[in-house]
Amino acid sequence: MGTLTIRLDEKLERELARLAKRTGRSKSEVAREALRRQLSIQRFRALRRGAMPYAAAAGYLTDEDVFRNVS
């Protein structure tokens, strides 16, 4: 397992500490979950960007176009 050291401003540190306390998790656990989510969002966005030309060519220009055909 690797280690990452980051600096947080006071407000973010307080919010992180409050959330960790409220959820019964460590600040590290909360930060890891947030990082995992952010990385997942970035992967999704990259996949979506790559798929968009193919979707547009097939007539899928909006989310509504997709939902209409899968619903």
PDB file of N, CA and C in Angstrom:
ATOM      1  N   MET A   1       0.855  -1.173   0.000  1.00  0.00           N
ATOM      2  CA  MET A   1       0.000   0.000   0.000  1.00  0.00           C
ATOM      3  C   MET A   1       0.899   1.234   0.000  1.00  0.00           C
ATOM      4  N   GLY A   2       0.547   2.221  -0.811  1.00  0.00           N
ATOM      5  CA  GLY A   2       1.317   3.452  -0.886  1.00  0.00           C
ATOM      6  C   GLY A   2       0.805   4.489   0.093  1.00  0.00           C
ATOM      7  N   THR A   3       1.561   5.553   0.205  1.00  0.00           N
ATOM      8  CA  THR A   3       1.208   6.647   1.093  1.00  0.00           C
ATOM      9  C   THR A   3       1.165   7.940   0.294  1.00  0.00           C
ATOM     10  N   LEU A   4       0.172   8.758   0.582  1.00  0.00           N
ATOM     11  CA  LEU A   4       0.028  10.062  -0.049  1.00  0.00           C
ATOM     12  C   LEU A   4      -0.141  11.092   1.046  1.00  0.00           C
ATOM     13  N   THR A   5       0.639  12.135   1.000  1.00  0.00           N
ATOM     14  CA  THR A   5       0.509  13.215   1.967  1.00  0.00           C
ATOM     15  C   THR A   5      -0.027  14.433   1.232  1.00  0.00           C
ATOM     16  N   ILE A   6      -1.097  15.018   1.744  1.00  0.00           N
ATOM     17  CA  ILE A   6      -1.658  16.214   1.115  1.00  0.00           C
ATOM     18  C   ILE A   6      -1.874  17.293   2.171  1.00  0.00           C
ATOM     19  N   ARG A   7      -1.886  18.509   1.725  1.00  0.00           N
ATOM     20  CA  ARG A   7      -2.165  19.628   2.616  1.00  0.00           C
ATOM     21  C   ARG A   7      -3.604  20.065   2.372  1.00  0.00           C
ATOM     22  N   LEU A   8      -4.324  20.289   3.456  1.00  0.00           N
ATOM     23  CA  LEU A   8      -5.714  20.725   3.385  1.00  0.00           C
ATOM     24  C   LEU A   8      -5.829  22.085   4.049  1.00  0.00           C
ATOM     25  N   ASP A   9      -6.665  22.941   3.478  1.00  0.00           N
ATOM     26  CA  ASP A   9      -6.916  24.192   4.184  1.00  0.00           C
ATOM     27  C   ASP A   9      -7.758  23.866   5.425  1.00  0.00           C
ATOM     28  N   GLU A  10      -7.837  24.813   6.321  1.00  0.00           N
ATOM     29  CA  GLU A  10      -8.501  24.557   7.612  1.00  0.00           C
ATOM     30  C   GLU A  10      -9.958  24.138   7.457  1.00  0.00           C
ATOM     31  N   LYS A  11     -10.663  24.796   6.551  1.00  0.00           N
ATOM     32  CA  LYS A  11     -12.086  24.474   6.361  1.00  0.00           C
ATOM     33  C   LYS A  11     -12.266  23.045   5.879  1.00  0.00           C
ATOM     34  N   LEU A  12     -11.470  22.643   4.891  1.00  0.00           N
ATOM     35  CA  LEU A  12     -11.579  21.283   4.359  1.00  0.00           C
ATOM     36  C   LEU A  12     -11.186  20.261   5.420  1.00  0.00           C
ATOM     37  N   GLU A  13     -10.159  20.557   6.199  1.00  0.00           N
ATOM     38  CA  GLU A  13      -9.744  19.666   7.289  1.00  0.00           C
ATOM     39  C   GLU A  13     -10.865  19.482   8.309  1.00  0.00           C
ATOM     40  N   ARG A  14     -11.538  20.572   8.672  1.00  0.00           N
ATOM     41  CA  ARG A  14     -12.660  20.481   9.631  1.00  0.00           C
ATOM     42  C   ARG A  14     -13.802  19.654   9.049  1.00  0.00           C
ATOM     43  N   GLU A  15     -14.137  19.893   7.786  1.00  0.00           N
ATOM     44  CA  GLU A  15     -15.221  19.132   7.156  1.00  0.00           C
ATOM     45  C   GLU A  15     -14.879  17.656   7.087  1.00  0.00           C
ATOM     46  N   LEU A  16     -13.638  17.346   6.731  1.00  0.00           N
ATOM     47  CA  LEU A  16     -13.197  15.952   6.667  1.00  0.00           C
ATOM     48  C   LEU A  16     -13.274  15.307   8.047  1.00  0.00           C
ATOM     49  N   ALA A  17     -12.802  15.995   9.056  1.00  0.00           N
ATOM     50  CA  ALA A  17     -12.831  15.457  10.422  1.00  0.00           C
ATOM     51  C   ALA A  17     -14.266  15.232  10.884  1.00  0.00           C
ATOM     52  N   ARG A  18     -15.155  16.179  10.592  1.00  0.00           N
ATOM     53  CA  ARG A  18     -16.568  16.024  10.986  1.00  0.00           C
ATOM     54  C   ARG A  18     -17.208  14.823  10.301  1.00  0.00           C
ATOM     55  N   LEU A  19     -16.961  14.688   9.004  1.00  0.00           N
ATOM     56  CA  LEU A  19     -17.541  13.568   8.265  1.00  0.00           C
ATOM     57  C   LEU A  19     -16.991  12.241   8.784  1.00  0.00           C
ATOM     58  N   ALA A  20     -15.705  12.184   9.025  1.00  0.00           N
ATOM     59  CA  ALA A  20     -15.109  10.952   9.550  1.00  0.00           C
ATOM     60  C   ALA A  20     -15.729  10.587  10.896  1.00  0.00           C
ATOM     61  N   LYS A  21     -15.866  11.570  11.765  1.00  0.00           N
ATOM     62  CA  LYS A  21     -16.451  11.311  13.084  1.00  0.00           C
ATOM     63  C   LYS A  21     -17.904  10.869  12.965  1.00  0.00           C
ATOM     64  N   ARG A  22     -18.669  11.574  12.125  1.00  0.00           N
ATOM     65  CA  ARG A  22     -20.093  11.266  11.962  1.00  0.00           C
ATOM     66  C   ARG A  22     -20.308   9.865  11.395  1.00  0.00           C
ATOM     67  N   THR A  23     -19.411   9.417  10.515  1.00  0.00           N
ATOM     68  CA  THR A  23     -19.584   8.108   9.875  1.00  0.00           C
ATOM     69  C   THR A  23     -18.814   6.993  10.561  1.00  0.00           C
ATOM     70  N   GLY A  24     -18.027   7.353  11.584  1.00  0.00           N
ATOM     71  CA  GLY A  24     -17.274   6.338  12.301  1.00  0.00           C
ATOM     72  C   GLY A  24     -16.128   5.763  11.498  1.00  0.00           C
ATOM     73  N   ARG A  25     -15.634   6.526  10.551  1.00  0.00           N
ATOM     74  CA  ARG A  25     -14.506   6.072   9.729  1.00  0.00           C
ATOM     75  C   ARG A  25     -13.320   7.003   9.972  1.00  0.00           C
ATOM     76  N   SER A  26     -12.163   6.564   9.558  1.00  0.00           N
ATOM     77  CA  SER A  26     -10.985   7.423   9.689  1.00  0.00           C
ATOM     78  C   SER A  26     -10.996   8.459   8.561  1.00  0.00           C
ATOM     79  N   LYS A  27     -10.246   9.524   8.774  1.00  0.00           N
ATOM     80  CA  LYS A  27     -10.123  10.535   7.719  1.00  0.00           C
ATOM     81  C   LYS A  27      -9.512   9.905   6.465  1.00  0.00           C
ATOM     82  N   SER A  28      -8.588   8.982   6.651  1.00  0.00           N
ATOM     83  CA  SER A  28      -7.974   8.306   5.505  1.00  0.00           C
ATOM     84  C   SER A  28      -9.005   7.509   4.705  1.00  0.00           C
ATOM     85  N   GLU A  29      -9.890   6.816   5.410  1.00  0.00           N
ATOM     86  CA  GLU A  29     -10.936   6.046   4.723  1.00  0.00           C
ATOM     87  C   GLU A  29     -11.841   6.966   3.912  1.00  0.00           C
ATOM     88  N   VAL A  30     -12.238   8.082   4.510  1.00  0.00           N
ATOM     89  CA  VAL A  30     -13.107   9.030   3.820  1.00  0.00           C
ATOM     90  C   VAL A  30     -12.390   9.588   2.597  1.00  0.00           C
ATOM     91  N   ALA A  31     -11.123   9.957   2.760  1.00  0.00           N
ATOM     92  CA  ALA A  31     -10.350  10.514   1.645  1.00  0.00           C
ATOM     93  C   ALA A  31     -10.163   9.479   0.538  1.00  0.00           C
ATOM     94  N   ARG A  32      -9.889   8.220   0.902  1.00  0.00           N
ATOM     95  CA  ARG A  32      -9.733   7.169  -0.117  1.00  0.00           C
ATOM     96  C   ARG A  32     -11.022   6.988  -0.914  1.00  0.00           C
ATOM     97  N   GLU A  33     -12.157   6.972  -0.204  1.00  0.00           N
ATOM     98  CA  GLU A  33     -13.436   6.821  -0.896  1.00  0.00           C
ATOM     99  C   GLU A  33     -13.676   7.993  -1.851  1.00  0.00           C
ATOM    100  N   ALA A  34     -13.384   9.199  -1.398  1.00  0.00           N
ATOM    101  CA  ALA A  34     -13.571  10.380  -2.249  1.00  0.00           C
ATOM    102  C   ALA A  34     -12.666  10.303  -3.470  1.00  0.00           C
ATOM    103  N   LEU A  35     -11.434   9.862  -3.284  1.00  0.00           N
ATOM    104  CA  LEU A  35     -10.503   9.735  -4.407  1.00  0.00           C
ATOM    105  C   LEU A  35     -10.968   8.652  -5.380  1.00  0.00           C
ATOM    106  N   ARG A  36     -11.422   7.524  -4.844  1.00  0.00           N
ATOM    107  CA  ARG A  36     -11.950   6.460  -5.716  1.00  0.00           C
ATOM    108  C   ARG A  36     -13.114   6.974  -6.569  1.00  0.00           C
ATOM    109  N   ARG A  37     -14.025   7.694  -5.933  1.00  0.00           N
ATOM    110  CA  ARG A  37     -15.172   8.238  -6.660  1.00  0.00           C
ATOM    111  C   ARG A  37     -14.727   9.203  -7.751  1.00  0.00           C
ATOM    112  N   GLN A  38     -13.798  10.094  -7.410  1.00  0.00           N
ATOM    113  CA  GLN A  38     -13.327  11.068  -8.386  1.00  0.00           C
ATOM    114  C   GLN A  38     -12.639  10.384  -9.560  1.00  0.00           C
ATOM    115  N   LEU A  39     -11.832   9.375  -9.281  1.00  0.00           N
ATOM    116  CA  LEU A  39     -11.175   8.638 -10.360  1.00  0.00           C
ATOM    117  C   LEU A  39     -12.192   7.913 -11.227  1.00  0.00           C
ATOM    118  N   SER A  40     -13.234   7.356 -10.616  1.00  0.00           N
ATOM    119  CA  SER A  40     -14.295   6.695 -11.383  1.00  0.00           C
ATOM    120  C   SER A  40     -15.014   7.687 -12.280  1.00  0.00           C
ATOM    121  N   ILE A  41     -15.287   8.863 -11.770  1.00  0.00           N
ATOM    122  CA  ILE A  41     -15.943   9.911 -12.567  1.00  0.00           C
ATOM    123  C   ILE A  41     -15.065  10.282 -13.750  1.00  0.00           C
ATOM    124  N   GLN A  42     -13.773  10.438 -13.516  1.00  0.00           N
ATOM    125  CA  GLN A  42     -12.860  10.796 -14.601  1.00  0.00           C
ATOM    126  C   GLN A  42     -12.781   9.699 -15.652  1.00  0.00           C
ATOM    127  N   ARG A  43     -12.758   8.423 -15.217  1.00  0.00           N
ATOM    128  CA  ARG A  43     -12.748   7.309 -16.182  1.00  0.00           C
ATOM    129  C   ARG A  43     -14.027   7.305 -17.003  1.00  0.00           C
ATOM    130  N   PHE A  44     -15.171   7.519 -16.333  1.00  0.00           N
ATOM    131  CA  PHE A  44     -16.448   7.560 -17.035  1.00  0.00           C
ATOM    132  C   PHE A  44     -16.452   8.669 -18.081  1.00  0.00           C
ATOM    133  N   ARG A  45     -15.994   9.856 -17.691  1.00  0.00           N
ATOM    134  CA  ARG A  45     -15.978  10.986 -18.621  1.00  0.00           C
ATOM    135  C   ARG A  45     -15.079  10.701 -19.823  1.00  0.00           C
ATOM    136  N   ALA A  46     -13.937  10.062 -19.585  1.00  0.00           N
ATOM    137  CA  ALA A  46     -13.034   9.723 -20.689  1.00  0.00           C
ATOM    138  C   ALA A  46     -13.687   8.713 -21.627  1.00  0.00           C
ATOM    139  N   LEU A  47     -14.347   7.695 -21.060  1.00  0.00           N
ATOM    140  CA  LEU A  47     -15.044   6.710 -21.887  1.00  0.00           C
ATOM    141  C   LEU A  47     -16.162   7.369 -22.688  1.00  0.00           C
ATOM    142  N   ARG A  48     -16.883   8.262 -22.035  1.00  0.00           N
ATOM    143  CA  ARG A  48     -17.985   8.950 -22.709  1.00  0.00           C
ATOM    144  C   ARG A  48     -17.468   9.802 -23.864  1.00  0.00           C
ATOM    145  N   ARG A  49     -16.366  10.535 -23.620  1.00  0.00           N
ATOM    146  CA  ARG A  49     -15.775  11.343 -24.701  1.00  0.00           C
ATOM    147  C   ARG A  49     -15.387  10.466 -25.883  1.00  0.00           C
ATOM    148  N   GLY A  50     -14.829   9.298 -25.589  1.00  0.00           N
ATOM    149  CA  GLY A  50     -14.427   8.392 -26.658  1.00  0.00           C
ATOM    150  C   GLY A  50     -15.607   7.815 -27.419  1.00  0.00           C
ATOM    151  N   ALA A  51     -16.715   7.611 -26.720  1.00  0.00           N
ATOM    152  CA  ALA A  51     -17.892   7.010 -27.351  1.00  0.00           C
ATOM    153  C   ALA A  51     -18.760   8.021 -28.089  1.00  0.00           C
ATOM    154  N   MET A  52     -18.640   9.284 -27.732  1.00  0.00           N
ATOM    155  CA  MET A  52     -19.530  10.306 -28.292  1.00  0.00           C
ATOM    156  C   MET A  52     -19.539  10.368 -29.823  1.00  0.00           C
ATOM    157  N   PRO A  53     -18.404  10.298 -30.504  1.00  0.00           N
ATOM    158  CA  PRO A  53     -18.472  10.341 -31.976  1.00  0.00           C
ATOM    159  C   PRO A  53     -19.283   9.183 -32.553  1.00  0.00           C
ATOM    160  N   TYR A  54     -19.151   8.001 -31.965  1.00  0.00           N
ATOM    161  CA  TYR A  54     -19.902   6.836 -32.445  1.00  0.00           C
ATOM    162  C   TYR A  54     -21.390   6.984 -32.134  1.00  0.00           C
ATOM    163  N   ALA A  55     -21.684   7.491 -30.943  1.00  0.00           N
ATOM    164  CA  ALA A  55     -23.077   7.694 -30.561  1.00  0.00           C
ATOM    165  C   ALA A  55     -23.725   8.743 -31.457  1.00  0.00           C
ATOM    166  N   ALA A  56     -23.023   9.832 -31.714  1.00  0.00           N
ATOM    167  CA  ALA A  56     -23.566  10.890 -32.571  1.00  0.00           C
ATOM    168  C   ALA A  56     -23.821  10.355 -33.976  1.00  0.00           C
ATOM    169  N   ALA A  57     -22.914   9.547 -34.486  1.00  0.00           N
ATOM    170  CA  ALA A  57     -23.090   8.969 -35.823  1.00  0.00           C
ATOM    171  C   ALA A  57     -24.309   8.059 -35.890  1.00  0.00           C
ATOM    172  N   ALA A  58     -24.657   7.451 -34.739  1.00  0.00           N
ATOM    173  CA  ALA A  58     -25.825   6.562 -34.674  1.00  0.00           C
ATOM    174  C   ALA A  58     -27.094   7.330 -34.312  1.00  0.00           C
ATOM    175  N   GLY A  59     -26.990   8.663 -34.157  1.00  0.00           N
ATOM    176  CA  GLY A  59     -28.170   9.461 -33.871  1.00  0.00           C
ATOM    177  C   GLY A  59     -28.440   9.704 -32.400  1.00  0.00           C
ATOM    178  N   TYR A  60     -27.510   9.329 -31.527  1.00  0.00           N
ATOM    179  CA  TYR A  60     -27.665   9.563 -30.098  1.00  0.00           C
ATOM    180  C   TYR A  60     -26.928  10.850 -29.732  1.00  0.00           C
ATOM    181  N   LEU A  61     -27.682  11.926 -29.616  1.00  0.00           N
ATOM    182  CA  LEU A  61     -27.062  13.218 -29.343  1.00  0.00           C
ATOM    183  C   LEU A  61     -27.267  13.689 -27.913  1.00  0.00           C
ATOM    184  N   THR A  62     -28.284  13.173 -27.248  1.00  0.00           N
ATOM    185  CA  THR A  62     -28.566  13.573 -25.867  1.00  0.00           C
ATOM    186  C   THR A  62     -28.828  12.327 -25.026  1.00  0.00           C
ATOM    187  N   ASP A  63     -28.824  12.511 -23.705  1.00  0.00           N
ATOM    188  CA  ASP A  63     -29.175  11.406 -22.809  1.00  0.00           C
ATOM    189  C   ASP A  63     -30.604  10.944 -23.076  1.00  0.00           C
ATOM    190  N   GLU A  64     -31.462  11.882 -23.428  1.00  0.00           N
ATOM    191  CA  GLU A  64     -32.857  11.531 -23.703  1.00  0.00           C
ATOM    192  C   GLU A  64     -32.958  10.581 -24.894  1.00  0.00           C
ATOM    193  N   ASP A  65     -32.089  10.763 -25.899  1.00  0.00           N
ATOM    194  CA  ASP A  65     -32.085   9.843 -27.042  1.00  0.00           C
ATOM    195  C   ASP A  65     -31.785   8.416 -26.563  1.00  0.00           C
ATOM    196  N   VAL A  66     -30.838   8.284 -25.685  1.00  0.00           N
ATOM    197  CA  VAL A  66     -30.475   6.965 -25.159  1.00  0.00           C
ATOM    198  C   VAL A  66     -31.619   6.398 -24.336  1.00  0.00           C
ATOM    199  N   PHE A  67     -32.149   7.197 -23.398  1.00  0.00           N
ATOM    200  CA  PHE A  67     -33.224   6.709 -22.538  1.00  0.00           C
ATOM    201  C   PHE A  67     -34.459   6.292 -23.340  1.00  0.00           C
ATOM    202  N   ARG A  68     -34.730   7.027 -24.389  1.00  0.00           N
ATOM    203  CA  ARG A  68     -35.910   6.711 -25.220  1.00  0.00           C
ATOM    204  C   ARG A  68     -35.760   5.317 -25.811  1.00  0.00           C
ATOM    205  N   ASN A  69     -34.574   4.927 -26.216  1.00  0.00           N
ATOM    206  CA  ASN A  69     -34.383   3.630 -26.840  1.00  0.00           C
ATOM    207  C   ASN A  69     -34.168   2.488 -25.865  1.00  0.00           C
ATOM    208  N   VAL A  70     -33.779   2.770 -24.636  1.00  0.00           N
ATOM    209  CA  VAL A  70     -33.586   1.687 -23.681  1.00  0.00           C
ATOM    210  C   VAL A  70     -34.763   1.521 -22.745  1.00  0.00           C
ATOM    211  N   SER A  71     -35.673   2.448 -22.758  1.00  0.00           N
ATOM    212  CA  SER A  71     -36.831   2.363 -21.862  1.00  0.00           C
ATOM    213  C   SER A  71     -37.933   1.536 -22.471  1.00  0.00           C
TER     214      SER A  71
END
